[in-house]
Amino acid sequence: MDEKRIKPLIVEVDESTFDSEVFDSAQPVLVAFGAPWSRPCHILETTLDEVATACAGSVKLVKVNADDNPDLSICYEVESIPTLLFFLEGQLAAKIVGTVSKEAILARLRAVLDCGEAAS
C-alpha cells in the first residue's frame, strides 16, 4: 500500500490531453512514446520510473501509447518505439529512439536544460 505513495508519477496522456500536459507545463517535459506489446518499452518502464524519481519536481514525465494516438506519433515522426521526446518551454528540444540507460536519459536532460538556461 505504501508503494503507490512512493511510486514516481508518470502521467499517461492522449491526443486530447497532450497540449495541456506538455505545452502548458511550467516544467520541462519528457514524453515517452511506447506500446503495451513492445518488449523494449517494457524494459524502459523501470528506467523511466528511476528517471522520474531522480527528476522529481524538476522534470515532468508523460507516456503516450503510440498505437492509440496515431496523430501524435505522425506529428512527432515516431517511427520506432520507444521514442523519448524532450520539451523545453513547449518546444521540442531533443529526441532519443530506442532503449537507453537512466544515465543516458539524465545526461541528455542535463544537456537540454543547460542549453535552455544559457539561451535565457
C-alpha atoms as a PDB file:
ATOM      1  CA  MET A   1       0.000   0.000   0.000  1.00  0.00           C
ATOM      2  CA  ASP A   2       2.907   2.384   0.553  1.00  0.00           C
ATOM      3  CA  GLU A   3       4.142   1.538  -2.959  1.00  0.00           C
ATOM      4  CA  LYS A   4       1.543   3.802  -4.571  1.00  0.00           C
ATOM      5  CA  ARG A   5       2.556   6.712  -2.406  1.00  0.00           C
ATOM      6  CA  ILE A   6       6.263   6.459  -3.230  1.00  0.00           C
ATOM      7  CA  LYS A   7       5.915   5.368  -6.864  1.00  0.00           C
ATOM      8  CA  PRO A   8       7.077   8.163  -9.165  1.00  0.00           C
ATOM      9  CA  LEU A   9       4.362   9.967 -11.044  1.00  0.00           C
ATOM     10  CA  ILE A  10       4.320   9.378 -14.772  1.00  0.00           C
ATOM     11  CA  VAL A  11       1.190  10.821 -16.352  1.00  0.00           C
ATOM     12  CA  GLU A  12      -0.472   8.974 -19.224  1.00  0.00           C
ATOM     13  CA  VAL A  13      -1.644  11.371 -21.920  1.00  0.00           C
ATOM     14  CA  ASP A  14      -3.518  11.077 -25.188  1.00  0.00           C
ATOM     15  CA  GLU A  15      -4.300  13.341 -28.108  1.00  0.00           C
ATOM     16  CA  SER A  16      -6.907  15.256 -26.093  1.00  0.00           C
ATOM     17  CA  THR A  17      -4.617  15.966 -23.102  1.00  0.00           C
ATOM     18  CA  PHE A  18      -1.194  16.227 -24.763  1.00  0.00           C
ATOM     19  CA  ASP A  19      -1.243  20.004 -25.284  1.00  0.00           C
ATOM     20  CA  SER A  20      -2.265  20.833 -21.725  1.00  0.00           C
ATOM     21  CA  GLU A  21       0.169  18.352 -20.155  1.00  0.00           C
ATOM     22  CA  VAL A  22       3.156  19.151 -22.393  1.00  0.00           C
ATOM     23  CA  PHE A  23       2.867  22.633 -23.894  1.00  0.00           C
ATOM     24  CA  ASP A  24       1.218  24.235 -20.864  1.00  0.00           C
ATOM     25  CA  SER A  25       3.645  22.691 -18.360  1.00  0.00           C
ATOM     26  CA  ALA A  26       5.783  25.065 -16.323  1.00  0.00           C
ATOM     27  CA  GLN A  27       8.410  22.309 -16.121  1.00  0.00           C
ATOM     28  CA  PRO A  28      10.459  20.671 -18.852  1.00  0.00           C
ATOM     29  CA  VAL A  29       8.662  17.540 -20.079  1.00  0.00           C
ATOM     30  CA  LEU A  30       9.964  14.119 -21.076  1.00  0.00           C
ATOM     31  CA  VAL A  31       7.445  12.336 -23.309  1.00  0.00           C
ATOM     32  CA  ALA A  32       7.811   8.563 -23.742  1.00  0.00           C
ATOM     33  CA  PHE A  33       6.085   7.078 -26.798  1.00  0.00           C
ATOM     34  CA  GLY A  34       5.531   3.336 -26.471  1.00  0.00           C
ATOM     35  CA  ALA A  35       3.066   0.464 -26.748  1.00  0.00           C
ATOM     36  CA  PRO A  36       1.950  -2.244 -24.326  1.00  0.00           C
ATOM     37  CA  TRP A  37       3.010  -5.087 -26.652  1.00  0.00           C
ATOM     38  CA  SER A  38       6.583  -3.814 -27.065  1.00  0.00           C
ATOM     39  CA  ARG A  39       9.287  -5.649 -25.107  1.00  0.00           C
ATOM     40  CA  PRO A  40      11.745  -2.705 -25.383  1.00  0.00           C
ATOM     41  CA  CYS A  41       9.042  -0.402 -23.967  1.00  0.00           C
ATOM     42  CA  HIS A  42       8.539  -2.746 -21.009  1.00  0.00           C
ATOM     43  CA  ILE A  43      12.294  -2.761 -20.405  1.00  0.00           C
ATOM     44  CA  LEU A  44      12.344   1.042 -20.473  1.00  0.00           C
ATOM     45  CA  GLU A  45       9.473   1.325 -17.925  1.00  0.00           C
ATOM     46  CA  THR A  46      11.760   0.639 -14.957  1.00  0.00           C
ATOM     47  CA  THR A  47      14.304   3.118 -16.285  1.00  0.00           C
ATOM     48  CA  LEU A  48      11.606   5.779 -16.663  1.00  0.00           C
ATOM     49  CA  ASP A  49      10.498   5.180 -13.058  1.00  0.00           C
ATOM     50  CA  GLU A  50      14.107   5.756 -11.964  1.00  0.00           C
ATOM     51  CA  VAL A  51      14.338   8.918 -14.075  1.00  0.00           C
ATOM     52  CA  ALA A  52      11.053  10.180 -12.616  1.00  0.00           C
ATOM     53  CA  THR A  53      12.410   9.648  -9.105  1.00  0.00           C
ATOM     54  CA  ALA A  54      15.726  11.348  -9.938  1.00  0.00           C
ATOM     55  CA  CYS A  55      13.953  14.315 -11.555  1.00  0.00           C
ATOM     56  CA  ALA A  56      11.002  14.619  -9.164  1.00  0.00           C
ATOM     57  CA  GLY A  57       9.874  18.225  -9.050  1.00  0.00           C
ATOM     58  CA  SER A  58      12.147  19.428 -11.845  1.00  0.00           C
ATOM     59  CA  VAL A  59      11.031  17.459 -14.927  1.00  0.00           C
ATOM     60  CA  LYS A  60       7.576  16.122 -15.749  1.00  0.00           C
ATOM     61  CA  LEU A  61       7.311  12.648 -17.316  1.00  0.00           C
ATOM     62  CA  VAL A  62       4.411  11.627 -19.527  1.00  0.00           C
ATOM     63  CA  LYS A  63       3.667   8.477 -21.510  1.00  0.00           C
ATOM     64  CA  VAL A  64       1.845   8.199 -24.830  1.00  0.00           C
ATOM     65  CA  ASN A  65       0.504   4.929 -26.235  1.00  0.00           C
ATOM     66  CA  ALA A  66       1.656   5.277 -29.852  1.00  0.00           C
ATOM     67  CA  ASP A  67      -0.931   2.782 -31.110  1.00  0.00           C
ATOM     68  CA  ASP A  68      -3.857   4.628 -29.524  1.00  0.00           C
ATOM     69  CA  ASN A  69      -2.605   8.086 -30.545  1.00  0.00           C
ATOM     70  CA  PRO A  70      -1.507   7.813 -34.183  1.00  0.00           C
ATOM     71  CA  ASP A  71      -1.841  11.530 -34.899  1.00  0.00           C
ATOM     72  CA  LEU A  72       0.705  12.371 -32.188  1.00  0.00           C
ATOM     73  CA  SER A  73       3.020   9.666 -33.491  1.00  0.00           C
ATOM     74  CA  ILE A  74       2.792  11.087 -37.012  1.00  0.00           C
ATOM     75  CA  CYS A  75       3.164  14.687 -35.836  1.00  0.00           C
ATOM     76  CA  TYR A  76       6.403  13.904 -33.986  1.00  0.00           C
ATOM     77  CA  GLU A  77       7.683  11.416 -36.577  1.00  0.00           C
ATOM     78  CA  VAL A  78       7.705   8.487 -34.158  1.00  0.00           C
ATOM     79  CA  GLU A  79       8.777   5.642 -36.428  1.00  0.00           C
ATOM     80  CA  SER A  80      10.108   3.305 -33.763  1.00  0.00           C
ATOM     81  CA  ILE A  81       9.250   2.704 -30.129  1.00  0.00           C
ATOM     82  CA  PRO A  82      10.255   3.524 -27.546  1.00  0.00           C
ATOM     83  CA  THR A  83      10.909   7.124 -28.524  1.00  0.00           C
ATOM     84  CA  LEU A  84      11.640   9.806 -25.948  1.00  0.00           C
ATOM     85  CA  LEU A  85      10.993  13.478 -26.702  1.00  0.00           C
ATOM     86  CA  PHE A  86      12.242  16.318 -24.507  1.00  0.00           C
ATOM     87  CA  PHE A  87      10.198  19.522 -24.479  1.00  0.00           C
ATOM     88  CA  LEU A  88      11.534  22.739 -23.004  1.00  0.00           C
ATOM     89  CA  GLU A  89       9.172  25.701 -22.774  1.00  0.00           C
ATOM     90  CA  GLY A  90       6.777  23.912 -25.130  1.00  0.00           C
ATOM     91  CA  GLN A  91       9.408  23.358 -27.834  1.00  0.00           C
ATOM     92  CA  LEU A  92      10.858  20.018 -28.899  1.00  0.00           C
ATOM     93  CA  ALA A  93      14.481  20.148 -27.730  1.00  0.00           C
ATOM     94  CA  ALA A  94      15.785  16.587 -28.143  1.00  0.00           C
ATOM     95  CA  LYS A  95      14.834  13.070 -29.202  1.00  0.00           C
ATOM     96  CA  ILE A  96      16.106   9.605 -28.262  1.00  0.00           C
ATOM     97  CA  VAL A  97      14.968   6.465 -30.095  1.00  0.00           C
ATOM     98  CA  GLY A  98      15.284   3.037 -28.506  1.00  0.00           C
ATOM     99  CA  THR A  99      16.051   1.724 -25.051  1.00  0.00           C
ATOM    100  CA  VAL A 100      18.661   3.703 -23.168  1.00  0.00           C
ATOM    101  CA  SER A 101      20.051   3.797 -19.670  1.00  0.00           C
ATOM    102  CA  LYS A 102      18.925   6.094 -16.890  1.00  0.00           C
ATOM    103  CA  GLU A 103      22.332   7.780 -17.089  1.00  0.00           C
ATOM    104  CA  ALA A 104      21.952   8.449 -20.827  1.00  0.00           C
ATOM    105  CA  ILE A 105      18.499   9.976 -20.327  1.00  0.00           C
ATOM    106  CA  LEU A 106      19.690  12.145 -17.437  1.00  0.00           C
ATOM    107  CA  ALA A 107      22.744  13.265 -19.421  1.00  0.00           C
ATOM    108  CA  ARG A 108      20.544  14.322 -22.349  1.00  0.00           C
ATOM    109  CA  LEU A 109      18.172  16.107 -19.959  1.00  0.00           C
ATOM    110  CA  ARG A 110      21.087  17.983 -18.374  1.00  0.00           C
ATOM    111  CA  ALA A 111      22.391  18.976 -21.818  1.00  0.00           C
ATOM    112  CA  VAL A 112      18.954  20.229 -22.879  1.00  0.00           C
ATOM    113  CA  LEU A 113      18.415  22.121 -19.629  1.00  0.00           C
ATOM    114  CA  ASP A 114      21.913  23.677 -19.727  1.00  0.00           C
ATOM    115  CA  CYS A 115      21.338  24.881 -23.298  1.00  0.00           C
ATOM    116  CA  GLY A 116      17.921  26.248 -22.351  1.00  0.00           C
ATOM    117  CA  GLU A 117      19.315  28.160 -19.380  1.00  0.00           C
ATOM    118  CA  ALA A 118      22.226  29.509 -21.428  1.00  0.00           C
ATOM    119  CA  ALA A 119      19.782  30.789 -24.052  1.00  0.00           C
ATOM    120  CA  SER A 120      17.663  32.571 -21.447  1.00  0.00           C
END
